[in-house]
């Protein structure tokens, strides 16, 4: 191969390379900087904001505080209903029982002895009803209405209808629904049909179903609270004299039909309070957001009630009670011993 055959193609290659590099340089001079966003920033068609790099380590709610019961009295009694398939256990309520005990009051689980729910209400200053699956009879509804009319107080914690999966050799689904709408309707409130959710990270507790709620009114139930969180929240359907005390965060929707709206989550009608979630009283949720303050407000509300018939059962010493006979045994007085019959004196002879 001659020298000319090598030099000529090499010269052409060098010329082309110089032209490419020169063109690139001229473009860089004419358009300095980059018009595109840096890596990780939002661009059209990229993932939503919750998947951006600055949202990877989402802030969590601090779990701190204590349950404070504000009451000027002592020796009050709270009944926890256990006779209507209530989805609650004593172990779940231990922090609440302790707070009530420290304040000098008593929590009792279930009615004493063979007494019915309706017959026992009058002995208690407050009644806590947690997610009952069973309905209330006509007699029980009448007794509950009379109880609150006479000064007793009731807090009802409910949950929306849910489908639960049971595991084992065979899997099956079970639909679980709040069963006491027939009782709460008398107070102008009933449980809504759907669960709520919110995908806004500032409106949920690191889970789109764990929504935030905030006060919509001033009063003893909302005192000291900015935000509470519900893991299984529904909404209340309200009419009549019932007043909404808390509403779900803005942007909250119903889970099935995706409807947005202003959803009531805590409602009060005189001596009855209705909450559309019961998970916030669990040990794992009590200290999220301002939940412990809200629980303290609910307990203070119950303890401010007045037992309509306190003499219906003896008041026990403050402490932990779990049903059974709560009356104080009385000692049977001994039978009186009759005075001995005096022996008659025989008459003296004449």
Protein backbone atom coordinates (compact mmCIF):
# COMPACT_ATOMS: atom_id res chain seq x y z
CA UNK A 1 0.00 0.00 0.00
CA UNK A 2 1.38 3.43 -0.99
CA UNK A 3 1.73 6.35 1.36
CA UNK A 4 -0.94 8.37 -0.51
CA UNK A 5 -3.59 5.71 0.05
CA UNK A 6 -3.10 6.00 3.83
CA UNK A 7 -2.79 9.77 4.20
CA UNK A 8 -5.85 10.74 2.15
CA UNK A 9 -8.51 8.78 4.18
CA UNK A 10 -6.87 9.86 7.42
CA UNK A 11 -7.06 13.50 6.40
CA UNK A 12 -10.76 13.14 5.55
CA UNK A 13 -11.43 11.55 8.97
CA UNK A 14 -9.63 14.36 10.79
CA UNK A 15 -11.58 17.03 8.89
CA UNK A 16 -14.93 15.39 9.70
CA UNK A 17 -14.01 15.03 13.40
CA UNK A 18 -12.99 18.69 13.61
CA UNK A 19 -16.29 19.75 12.05
CA UNK A 20 -18.31 17.69 14.55
CA UNK A 21 -16.41 19.01 17.55
CA UNK A 22 -16.62 22.55 16.24
CA UNK A 23 -20.38 22.30 15.75
CA UNK A 24 -20.85 20.97 19.27
CA UNK A 25 -18.79 23.85 20.67
CA UNK A 26 -20.80 26.45 18.75
CA UNK A 27 -24.11 24.97 20.04
CA UNK A 28 -22.83 25.06 23.61
CA UNK A 29 -21.83 28.72 23.24
CA UNK A 30 -25.14 29.67 21.64
CA UNK A 31 -27.28 27.82 24.28
CA UNK A 32 -25.46 27.84 27.64
CA UNK A 33 -26.88 25.71 30.51
CA UNK A 34 -29.46 22.95 30.34
CA UNK A 35 -33.16 23.48 29.74
CA UNK A 36 -34.12 20.16 31.35
CA UNK A 37 -34.65 19.66 35.10
CA UNK A 38 -31.96 18.01 37.21
CA UNK A 39 -32.35 14.34 37.97
CA UNK A 40 -35.11 13.60 40.48
CA UNK A 41 -37.14 16.76 39.89
CA UNK A 42 -40.70 16.60 38.64
CA UNK A 43 -41.28 16.62 34.89
CA UNK A 44 -44.41 15.94 32.89
CA UNK A 45 -45.21 12.25 32.93
CA UNK A 46 -42.95 11.44 35.87
CA UNK A 47 -44.14 9.74 39.09
CA UNK A 48 -46.43 11.62 41.54
CA UNK A 49 -44.95 13.78 44.29
CA UNK A 50 -45.08 11.04 46.93
CA UNK A 51 -42.50 9.08 44.91
CA UNK A 52 -40.03 11.95 44.49
CA UNK A 53 -36.63 11.61 46.24
CA UNK A 54 -37.46 14.22 48.89
CA UNK A 55 -40.49 12.15 49.95
CA UNK A 56 -38.62 8.89 50.53
CA UNK A 57 -38.15 9.56 54.24
CA UNK A 58 -41.63 10.78 55.10
CA UNK A 59 -41.94 12.39 58.55
CA UNK A 60 -43.79 10.41 61.19
CA UNK A 61 -45.99 11.60 64.02
CA UNK A 62 -44.21 11.69 67.39
CA UNK A 63 -45.57 9.13 69.85
CA UNK A 64 -45.48 10.94 73.16
CA UNK A 65 -47.74 12.49 75.76
CA UNK A 66 -50.09 11.04 78.36
CA UNK A 67 -53.79 10.52 78.89
CA UNK A 68 -55.00 13.22 81.26
CA UNK A 69 -58.42 12.91 82.88
CA UNK A 70 -59.85 16.26 83.97
CA UNK A 71 -62.46 15.81 86.69
CA UNK A 72 -63.08 17.38 90.08
CA UNK A 73 -64.89 14.36 91.50
CA UNK A 74 -63.91 10.83 92.45
CA UNK A 75 -65.46 7.38 92.72
CA UNK A 76 -67.17 7.61 89.34
CA UNK A 77 -67.94 4.43 87.41
CA UNK A 78 -67.64 3.71 83.68
CA UNK A 79 -69.23 0.64 82.12
CA UNK A 80 -67.64 -0.93 79.03
CA UNK A 81 -70.35 -2.75 77.10
CA UNK A 82 -69.42 -6.36 76.26
CA UNK A 83 -72.86 -7.81 75.56
CA UNK A 84 -73.33 -6.91 71.89
CA UNK A 85 -70.45 -8.62 70.12
CA UNK A 86 -68.22 -5.64 70.86
CA UNK A 87 -64.86 -5.72 69.08
CA UNK A 88 -62.71 -4.79 72.05
CA UNK A 89 -60.76 -6.56 74.77
CA UNK A 90 -59.64 -5.56 78.24
CA UNK A 91 -55.99 -5.73 77.19
CA UNK A 92 -56.59 -3.17 74.43
CA UNK A 93 -58.10 -0.77 76.95
CA UNK A 94 -55.43 -1.16 79.65
CA UNK A 95 -53.96 2.34 79.13
CA UNK A 96 -57.46 3.81 79.46
CA UNK A 97 -58.24 1.74 82.55
CA UNK A 98 -54.98 2.90 84.15
CA UNK A 99 -55.70 6.57 83.43
CA UNK A 100 -59.17 6.29 84.95
CA UNK A 101 -57.79 4.44 87.98
CA UNK A 102 -55.11 7.09 88.58
CA UNK A 103 -57.86 9.73 88.60
CA UNK A 104 -59.71 7.82 91.34
CA UNK A 105 -62.43 6.17 89.28
CA UNK A 106 -63.45 2.69 88.13
CA UNK A 107 -63.81 0.95 84.77
CA UNK A 108 -65.95 -2.19 84.72
CA UNK A 109 -66.31 -4.65 81.85
CA UNK A 110 -69.77 -6.07 81.34
CA UNK A 111 -72.73 -5.94 83.67
CA UNK A 112 -72.57 -7.51 87.10
CA UNK A 113 -74.01 -10.92 87.83
CA UNK A 114 -77.14 -11.77 85.88
CA UNK A 115 -78.28 -8.16 85.50
CA UNK A 116 -79.13 -7.14 81.94
CA UNK A 117 -77.56 -4.23 80.08
CA UNK A 118 -80.78 -2.21 80.28
CA UNK A 119 -81.24 -2.82 84.01
CA UNK A 120 -77.62 -1.96 84.90
CA UNK A 121 -77.19 1.37 83.11
CA UNK A 122 -78.48 3.51 85.95
CA UNK A 123 -75.63 2.46 88.25
CA UNK A 124 -72.96 4.04 86.05
CA UNK A 125 -71.94 7.62 85.35
CA UNK A 126 -70.71 6.82 81.84
CA UNK A 127 -70.95 4.00 79.30
CA UNK A 128 -68.34 3.19 76.63
CA UNK A 129 -69.60 1.19 73.63
CA UNK A 130 -66.93 -0.02 71.19
CA UNK A 131 -67.84 -1.36 67.72
CA UNK A 132 -70.87 -3.51 68.59
CA UNK A 133 -71.69 -6.05 65.88
CA UNK A 134 -75.03 -6.93 67.45
CA UNK A 135 -78.09 -4.70 67.42
CA UNK A 136 -79.85 -3.31 70.48
CA UNK A 137 -83.30 -4.50 71.46
CA UNK A 138 -86.24 -2.14 71.86
CA UNK A 139 -85.90 -2.38 75.63
CA UNK A 140 -82.18 -1.53 75.45
CA UNK A 141 -82.74 1.41 73.12
CA UNK A 142 -85.40 2.81 75.42
CA UNK A 143 -83.16 2.31 78.46
CA UNK A 144 -80.21 4.01 76.73
CA UNK A 145 -82.36 7.00 75.77
CA UNK A 146 -83.74 7.30 79.30
CA UNK A 147 -80.23 6.95 80.73
CA UNK A 148 -78.82 9.90 78.76
CA UNK A 149 -81.96 11.97 79.40
CA UNK A 150 -81.40 11.48 83.15
CA UNK A 151 -77.75 12.60 83.16
CA UNK A 152 -75.75 9.53 82.19
CA UNK A 153 -73.23 9.87 79.36
CA UNK A 154 -72.43 7.56 76.47
CA UNK A 155 -69.49 7.38 74.04
CA UNK A 156 -69.94 5.11 71.01
CA UNK A 157 -66.93 4.13 68.86
CA UNK A 158 -67.89 2.69 65.49
CA UNK A 159 -66.22 1.47 62.30
CA UNK A 160 -67.42 1.34 58.68
CA UNK A 161 -68.37 -1.92 57.01
CA UNK A 162 -65.27 -3.97 56.16
CA UNK A 163 -64.45 -7.26 54.50
CA UNK A 164 -61.97 -9.37 56.45
CA UNK A 165 -59.99 -12.32 55.14
CA UNK A 166 -59.67 -15.34 57.41
CA UNK A 167 -56.76 -17.71 56.80
CA UNK A 168 -56.32 -21.39 57.53
CA UNK A 169 -56.79 -24.57 55.55
CA UNK A 170 -59.32 -22.64 53.48
CA UNK A 171 -59.57 -18.91 53.01
CA UNK A 172 -62.87 -17.12 53.43
CA UNK A 173 -64.11 -13.55 53.66
CA UNK A 174 -66.36 -12.09 56.32
CA UNK A 175 -68.26 -8.82 56.19
CA UNK A 176 -68.19 -6.95 59.49
CA UNK A 177 -70.62 -4.08 60.07
CA UNK A 178 -71.50 -1.69 62.88
CA UNK A 179 -74.66 -3.10 64.45
CA UNK A 180 -76.02 -0.24 66.56
CA UNK A 181 -77.42 2.17 63.99
CA UNK A 182 -80.86 1.36 65.38
CA UNK A 183 -79.71 2.87 68.70
CA UNK A 184 -77.69 5.86 67.43
CA UNK A 185 -80.42 7.04 65.06
CA UNK A 186 -82.34 8.27 68.10
CA UNK A 187 -79.54 10.79 68.61
CA UNK A 188 -79.59 12.00 65.00
CA UNK A 189 -76.54 10.10 63.77
CA UNK A 190 -75.71 6.82 62.05
CA UNK A 191 -72.61 5.18 60.61
CA UNK A 192 -71.89 5.90 56.94
CA UNK A 193 -71.62 3.09 54.43
CA UNK A 194 -67.98 3.48 53.33
CA UNK A 195 -64.48 3.83 54.69
CA UNK A 196 -62.51 7.02 54.03
CA UNK A 197 -59.05 7.55 52.55
CA UNK A 198 -56.69 10.38 51.62
CA UNK A 199 -53.59 10.10 49.41
CA UNK A 200 -52.15 13.47 50.43
CA UNK A 201 -49.10 12.82 52.62
CA UNK A 202 -49.93 15.87 54.73
CA UNK A 203 -53.43 14.52 55.41
CA UNK A 204 -52.64 10.94 56.45
CA UNK A 205 -50.46 9.08 58.93
CA UNK A 206 -48.13 7.30 56.46
CA UNK A 207 -51.03 5.25 55.12
CA UNK A 208 -53.72 6.47 52.75
CA UNK A 209 -56.40 4.86 54.95
CA UNK A 210 -55.04 6.42 58.17
CA UNK A 211 -56.63 9.83 57.75
CA UNK A 212 -56.30 12.99 59.81
CA UNK A 213 -59.25 14.83 61.34
CA UNK A 214 -59.33 18.28 62.91
CA UNK A 215 -61.75 20.20 65.16
CA UNK A 216 -64.67 21.94 63.51
CA UNK A 217 -66.02 23.39 66.75
CA UNK A 218 -64.81 24.56 70.15
CA UNK A 219 -65.65 22.77 73.38
CA UNK A 220 -64.57 20.18 75.89
CA UNK A 221 -64.08 17.47 73.25
CA UNK A 222 -61.73 19.55 71.08
CA UNK A 223 -59.79 21.34 73.81
CA UNK A 224 -56.02 21.15 73.25
CA UNK A 225 -56.28 19.31 69.92
CA UNK A 226 -54.96 20.22 66.49
CA UNK A 227 -55.07 16.85 64.74
CA UNK A 228 -56.20 13.31 65.50
CA UNK A 229 -55.66 10.25 63.34
CA UNK A 230 -58.00 7.35 62.57
CA UNK A 231 -56.73 4.13 60.96
CA UNK A 232 -60.14 2.78 59.93
CA UNK A 233 -62.24 5.89 59.67
CA UNK A 234 -65.72 6.13 58.30
CA UNK A 235 -68.07 9.08 58.31
CA UNK A 236 -71.20 9.97 60.24
CA UNK A 237 -74.53 10.77 58.62
CA UNK A 238 -76.01 13.56 60.74
CA UNK A 239 -79.41 15.15 61.16
CA UNK A 240 -81.50 16.85 63.83
CA UNK A 241 -79.72 18.31 66.85
CA UNK A 242 -76.46 16.38 66.45
CA UNK A 243 -73.40 18.64 66.19
CA UNK A 244 -70.23 17.85 64.24
CA UNK A 245 -67.09 18.27 66.38
CA UNK A 246 -64.38 16.90 64.06
CA UNK A 247 -64.18 16.59 60.28
CA UNK A 248 -61.83 14.62 58.03
CA UNK A 249 -58.92 16.45 56.39
CA UNK A 250 -59.52 18.26 53.12
CA UNK A 251 -59.32 16.00 50.08
CA UNK A 252 -60.64 12.93 51.89
CA UNK A 253 -62.68 10.55 49.72
CA UNK A 254 -64.89 7.51 50.17
CA UNK A 255 -63.03 4.30 49.41
CA UNK A 256 -65.52 2.63 47.07
CA UNK A 257 -67.19 5.49 45.20
CA UNK A 258 -64.27 7.98 45.37
CA UNK A 259 -66.54 10.85 46.43
CA UNK A 260 -64.96 13.95 47.95
CA UNK A 261 -66.74 15.98 50.59
CA UNK A 262 -66.72 17.31 54.13
CA UNK A 263 -67.03 14.23 56.31
CA UNK A 264 -68.03 14.32 59.98
CA UNK A 265 -65.93 11.96 62.10
CA UNK A 266 -66.96 12.97 65.65
CA UNK A 267 -70.52 14.01 66.50
CA UNK A 268 -72.17 15.01 69.77
CA UNK A 269 -75.81 15.19 70.75
CA UNK A 270 -76.09 16.37 74.36
CA UNK A 271 -74.94 13.41 76.53
CA UNK A 272 -73.96 11.15 73.62
CA UNK A 273 -70.74 11.27 71.56
CA UNK A 274 -70.32 9.24 68.36
CA UNK A 275 -66.85 8.57 66.85
CA UNK A 276 -66.48 6.94 63.42
CA UNK A 277 -63.39 4.90 64.34
CA UNK A 278 -62.36 2.65 67.20
CA UNK A 279 -58.72 1.92 66.33
CA UNK A 280 -57.37 5.10 67.97
CA UNK A 281 -57.82 3.59 71.45
CA UNK A 282 -55.40 0.73 70.72
CA UNK A 283 -52.04 0.85 72.45
CA UNK A 284 -50.25 1.27 69.11
CA UNK A 285 -52.34 4.32 68.16
CA UNK A 286 -53.03 6.13 71.43
CA UNK A 287 -50.02 8.44 71.23
CA UNK A 288 -50.21 9.27 67.50
CA UNK A 289 -50.83 12.96 66.76
CA UNK A 290 -53.15 14.33 69.51
CA UNK A 291 -55.00 11.05 70.06
CA UNK A 292 -54.07 10.84 73.75
CA UNK A 293 -55.54 14.31 74.35
CA UNK A 294 -58.73 13.33 72.55
CA UNK A 295 -59.02 10.13 74.61
CA UNK A 296 -58.55 12.15 77.80
CA UNK A 297 -61.32 14.51 76.68
CA UNK A 298 -63.65 11.58 76.00
CA UNK A 299 -62.96 10.06 79.42
CA UNK A 300 -63.53 13.42 81.13
CA UNK A 301 -66.82 13.71 79.23
CA UNK A 302 -67.92 10.29 80.50
CA UNK A 303 -66.87 10.99 84.09
CA UNK A 304 -68.82 14.25 84.12
CA UNK A 305 -72.01 12.21 83.82
CA UNK A 306 -74.29 11.47 86.75
CA UNK A 307 -75.53 7.97 87.48
CA UNK A 308 -79.35 8.15 87.41
CA UNK A 309 -79.67 5.30 89.93
CA UNK A 310 -76.39 5.00 91.85
CA UNK A 311 -78.11 2.99 94.55
CA UNK A 312 -78.88 0.24 92.08
CA UNK A 313 -75.52 -1.30 92.97
CA UNK A 314 -72.99 -0.58 95.67
CA UNK A 315 -70.15 1.67 94.53
CA UNK A 316 -66.86 -0.25 94.64
CA UNK A 317 -63.51 1.15 95.67
CA UNK A 318 -61.65 2.68 92.70
CA UNK A 319 -59.67 -0.01 90.94
CA UNK A 320 -59.66 -2.54 88.14
CA UNK A 321 -62.91 -4.45 87.75
CA UNK A 322 -63.84 -6.96 85.11
CA UNK A 323 -67.50 -7.61 85.69
CA UNK A 324 -68.89 -10.13 88.11
CA UNK A 325 -70.57 -9.23 91.37
CA UNK A 326 -69.55 -5.68 92.27
CA UNK A 327 -71.75 -5.31 95.33
CA UNK A 328 -70.22 -5.04 98.77
CA UNK A 329 -71.05 -8.05 100.93
CA UNK A 330 -72.85 -7.22 104.11
CA UNK A 331 -72.62 -9.13 107.32
CA UNK A 332 -75.86 -10.73 108.49
CA UNK A 333 -76.59 -9.56 112.02
CA UNK A 334 -76.93 -12.34 114.59
CA UNK A 335 -80.37 -13.36 115.69
CA UNK A 336 -81.29 -11.66 118.98
CA UNK A 337 -81.15 -13.96 121.99
CA UNK A 338 -84.45 -13.88 123.90
CA UNK A 339 -84.29 -13.01 127.55
CA UNK A 340 -84.71 -16.07 129.76
CA UNK A 341 -88.23 -16.47 131.08
CA UNK A 342 -88.21 -15.76 134.82
CA UNK A 343 -89.31 -18.59 137.09
CA UNK A 344 -92.59 -17.63 138.73
CA UNK A 345 -92.49 -17.31 142.51
CA UNK A 346 -95.02 -19.56 144.21
CA UNK A 347 -97.57 -17.71 146.32
CA UNK A 348 -96.97 -17.72 150.05
CA UNK A 349 -99.31 -19.78 152.16
CA UNK A 350 -101.97 -18.12 154.30
